[in-house]
Amino acid sequence: MAEVKEYFKAAEDKMSQAISHLDDSLAHIRAGKANVRILDPVRVDYYGSIVPLSNVATITTPDARTISIQPWEKKMISEIEKAIMNSEVGITPENNGEIIRLSIPPLTEERRKTLVKQARNEGEDAKVSVRNARRDAIDGLKKEIKNGLSEDSEKDAEGEVQKIHDRYIKKIEELLEAKEKEIMTV
């Protein structure tokens, strides 16, 4: 029975990674509200090293439509602005010599629908990963029959894998529903 639990654990680990990846992907979809995580992919040249923006500045959201970036060294302002301009963030930074501000423009209805489609595609990718993890676990369980696992035990284990699968698919649906609501809220 120990080998059966290993299949459960492996499947659950893969499914959990799919959820984490989905959560991360959805966080990078700009929903019209200021979210510091849209700057996660931005890398800055800091004395010859390429580092994440969060390593050279404090990033905050003073209101729902603004992201504020305060560099720890004033001379980094131009480097940070250049990094933001070269990134896929798609927002032009403004600075007053001390703080860089990013004003998040309101989304058009068409852009909102595009973002919802993008979120659903990310969700579908996560579901495929969860299904693949289920399939791998079930294939492994079928191979265990040759190693002496009874067919009844294998069927029970398949049912358990299906329950784990269903639980993770439900989590994906909940994440997508929340993101869709966030995107469509004006």
Protein backbone atom coordinates (compact mmCIF):
# COMPACT_ATOMS: atom_id res chain seq x y z
CA MET A 1 0.00 0.00 0.00
CA ALA A 2 3.02 2.30 0.51
CA GLU A 3 3.71 2.38 -3.24
CA VAL A 4 0.10 3.47 -3.85
CA LYS A 5 0.53 6.43 -1.49
CA GLU A 6 3.65 7.43 -3.42
CA TYR A 7 1.51 7.77 -6.56
CA PHE A 8 -0.99 9.91 -4.64
CA LYS A 9 1.81 12.14 -3.35
CA ALA A 10 3.46 12.48 -6.77
CA ALA A 11 0.14 13.36 -8.41
CA GLU A 12 -0.75 15.83 -5.69
CA ASP A 13 2.69 17.48 -5.95
CA LYS A 14 2.32 17.94 -9.72
CA MET A 15 -1.22 19.27 -9.32
CA SER A 16 -0.11 21.65 -6.61
CA GLN A 17 2.66 22.96 -8.89
CA ALA A 18 0.08 23.55 -11.62
CA ILE A 19 -2.02 25.62 -9.19
CA SER A 20 1.05 27.63 -8.11
CA HIS A 21 1.99 28.30 -11.72
CA LEU A 22 -1.57 29.36 -12.54
CA ASP A 23 -1.70 31.67 -9.53
CA ASP A 24 1.58 33.26 -10.61
CA SER A 25 0.43 33.59 -14.24
CA LEU A 26 -2.87 35.19 -13.24
CA ALA A 27 -1.09 37.67 -10.98
CA HIS A 28 0.82 38.98 -13.99
CA ILE A 29 -2.35 39.68 -15.95
CA ARG A 30 -3.05 43.37 -15.45
CA ALA A 31 -6.66 43.79 -14.37
CA GLY A 32 -6.87 47.59 -14.44
CA LYS A 33 -5.92 47.88 -10.79
CA ALA A 34 -2.46 48.62 -9.45
CA ASN A 35 -0.69 45.39 -8.54
CA VAL A 36 3.03 45.34 -7.73
CA ARG A 37 3.33 41.79 -9.10
CA ILE A 38 3.07 43.05 -12.68
CA LEU A 39 6.62 44.36 -12.14
CA ASP A 40 8.01 40.93 -11.11
CA PRO A 41 9.51 40.23 -14.56
CA VAL A 42 11.29 43.61 -14.71
CA ARG A 43 15.07 43.29 -14.35
CA VAL A 44 17.42 46.24 -13.70
CA ASP A 45 21.13 46.65 -14.40
CA TYR A 46 22.65 47.26 -10.95
CA TYR A 47 26.42 47.78 -11.08
CA GLY A 48 26.81 45.25 -13.89
CA SER A 49 24.41 42.65 -12.45
CA ILE A 50 20.88 42.11 -13.72
CA VAL A 51 18.61 41.97 -10.66
CA PRO A 52 14.84 42.07 -10.01
CA LEU A 53 13.39 45.56 -9.61
CA SER A 54 12.35 44.73 -6.04
CA ASN A 55 16.06 44.32 -5.13
CA VAL A 56 16.86 48.00 -5.86
CA ALA A 57 13.66 49.84 -4.89
CA THR A 58 10.61 49.87 -2.67
CA ILE A 59 7.45 49.20 -4.68
CA THR A 60 4.06 50.24 -3.29
CA THR A 61 0.51 50.97 -4.43
CA PRO A 62 -0.60 54.27 -2.86
CA ASP A 63 -4.00 53.99 -4.58
CA ALA A 64 -5.90 51.65 -6.91
CA ARG A 65 -4.53 53.25 -10.10
CA THR A 66 -0.89 54.00 -9.18
CA ILE A 67 2.26 52.03 -8.51
CA SER A 68 5.01 53.95 -6.75
CA ILE A 69 8.67 52.93 -7.06
CA GLN A 70 11.19 54.52 -4.71
CA PRO A 71 14.78 53.59 -5.62
CA TRP A 72 17.19 53.10 -2.74
CA GLU A 73 19.77 55.11 -4.69
CA LYS A 74 18.73 58.23 -6.62
CA LYS A 75 21.04 57.46 -9.54
CA MET A 76 19.06 54.25 -10.21
CA ILE A 77 16.00 56.21 -11.41
CA SER A 78 17.11 56.29 -15.05
CA GLU A 79 18.09 52.58 -14.99
CA ILE A 80 14.71 51.63 -13.50
CA GLU A 81 12.82 53.75 -16.05
CA LYS A 82 14.80 52.17 -18.90
CA ALA A 83 14.09 48.66 -17.57
CA ILE A 84 10.35 49.38 -17.29
CA MET A 85 10.26 50.85 -20.81
CA ASN A 86 12.05 47.77 -22.22
CA SER A 87 9.79 45.34 -20.36
CA GLU A 88 6.37 44.05 -21.42
CA VAL A 89 4.58 46.05 -18.71
CA GLY A 90 3.33 48.52 -21.31
CA ILE A 91 3.16 51.56 -19.02
CA THR A 92 5.27 54.70 -19.38
CA PRO A 93 6.94 55.67 -16.09
CA GLU A 94 6.87 59.24 -14.76
CA ASN A 95 9.38 60.52 -12.22
CA ASN A 96 9.81 63.61 -10.08
CA GLY A 97 13.50 63.07 -9.34
CA GLU A 98 12.87 60.90 -6.29
CA ILE A 99 9.96 58.59 -7.02
CA ILE A 100 8.85 56.83 -10.19
CA ARG A 101 5.10 56.52 -10.68
CA LEU A 102 3.23 54.20 -13.00
CA SER A 103 -0.35 55.27 -13.68
CA ILE A 104 -2.49 52.25 -14.53
CA PRO A 105 -4.91 53.25 -17.28
CA PRO A 106 -8.51 52.02 -17.08
CA LEU A 107 -9.20 49.05 -19.34
CA THR A 108 -11.56 49.18 -22.29
CA GLU A 109 -14.32 46.58 -22.53
CA GLU A 110 -12.52 44.93 -25.46
CA ARG A 111 -9.25 44.73 -23.50
CA ARG A 112 -11.09 43.25 -20.51
CA LYS A 113 -12.53 40.50 -22.71
CA THR A 114 -9.07 39.78 -24.14
CA LEU A 115 -7.63 39.51 -20.63
CA VAL A 116 -10.44 37.13 -19.59
CA LYS A 117 -9.59 34.94 -22.60
CA GLN A 118 -5.93 35.02 -21.62
CA ALA A 119 -6.83 34.02 -18.05
CA ARG A 120 -9.02 31.17 -19.32
CA ASN A 121 -6.16 29.93 -21.52
CA GLU A 122 -3.85 29.92 -18.50
CA GLY A 123 -6.55 28.02 -16.59
CA GLU A 124 -6.92 25.48 -19.38
CA ASP A 125 -3.15 24.90 -19.35
CA ALA A 126 -3.32 24.29 -15.60
CA LYS A 127 -6.21 21.84 -16.07
CA VAL A 128 -4.20 19.94 -18.69
CA SER A 129 -1.30 19.67 -16.23
CA VAL A 130 -3.65 18.37 -13.53
CA ARG A 131 -5.13 15.83 -15.94
CA ASN A 132 -1.66 14.70 -16.98
CA ALA A 133 -0.71 14.18 -13.33
CA ARG A 134 -3.87 12.10 -12.86
CA ARG A 135 -3.09 10.03 -15.96
CA ASP A 136 0.51 9.43 -14.81
CA ALA A 137 -0.70 8.27 -11.39
CA ILE A 138 -3.31 5.93 -12.88
CA ASP A 139 -0.77 4.49 -15.34
CA GLY A 140 1.62 3.86 -12.46
CA LEU A 141 -1.13 2.18 -10.44
CA LYS A 142 -1.96 -0.13 -13.37
CA LYS A 143 1.71 -1.14 -13.54
CA GLU A 144 1.59 -1.97 -9.82
CA ILE A 145 -0.95 -4.72 -10.58
CA LYS A 146 1.94 -6.61 -12.20
CA ASN A 147 3.91 -6.15 -8.98
CA GLY A 148 1.20 -7.78 -6.87
CA LEU A 149 -1.33 -5.02 -6.18
CA SER A 150 -4.86 -6.42 -6.24
CA GLU A 151 -7.24 -5.09 -8.89
CA ASP A 152 -9.72 -3.99 -6.21
CA SER A 153 -7.03 -1.96 -4.46
CA GLU A 154 -5.98 -0.47 -7.80
CA LYS A 155 -9.59 0.56 -8.56
CA ASP A 156 -9.95 2.11 -5.10
CA ALA A 157 -6.67 3.97 -5.62
CA GLU A 158 -7.88 5.22 -9.02
CA GLY A 159 -10.98 6.57 -7.32
CA GLU A 160 -8.81 8.38 -4.79
CA VAL A 161 -6.67 9.88 -7.55
CA GLN A 162 -9.89 11.05 -9.24
CA LYS A 163 -11.00 12.75 -5.99
CA ILE A 164 -7.63 14.55 -5.75
CA HIS A 165 -7.98 15.56 -9.41
CA ASP A 166 -11.51 16.91 -8.87
CA ARG A 167 -10.36 18.94 -5.86
CA TYR A 168 -7.60 20.63 -7.87
CA ILE A 169 -9.83 21.28 -10.88
CA LYS A 170 -12.28 22.99 -8.49
CA LYS A 171 -9.43 25.18 -7.15
CA ILE A 172 -8.52 26.16 -10.71
CA GLU A 173 -12.15 27.09 -11.42
CA GLU A 174 -12.26 29.21 -8.24
CA LEU A 175 -9.04 31.03 -9.16
CA LEU A 176 -10.33 31.72 -12.68
CA GLU A 177 -13.69 32.93 -11.40
CA ALA A 178 -12.02 35.34 -8.98
CA LYS A 179 -9.66 36.68 -11.67
CA GLU A 180 -12.50 37.07 -14.16
CA LYS A 181 -14.50 39.03 -11.60
CA GLU A 182 -11.46 41.21 -10.85
CA ILE A 183 -10.89 41.90 -14.56
CA MET A 184 -14.52 42.67 -15.37
CA THR A 185 -15.06 44.96 -12.35
CA VAL A 186 -14.88 48.54 -13.54
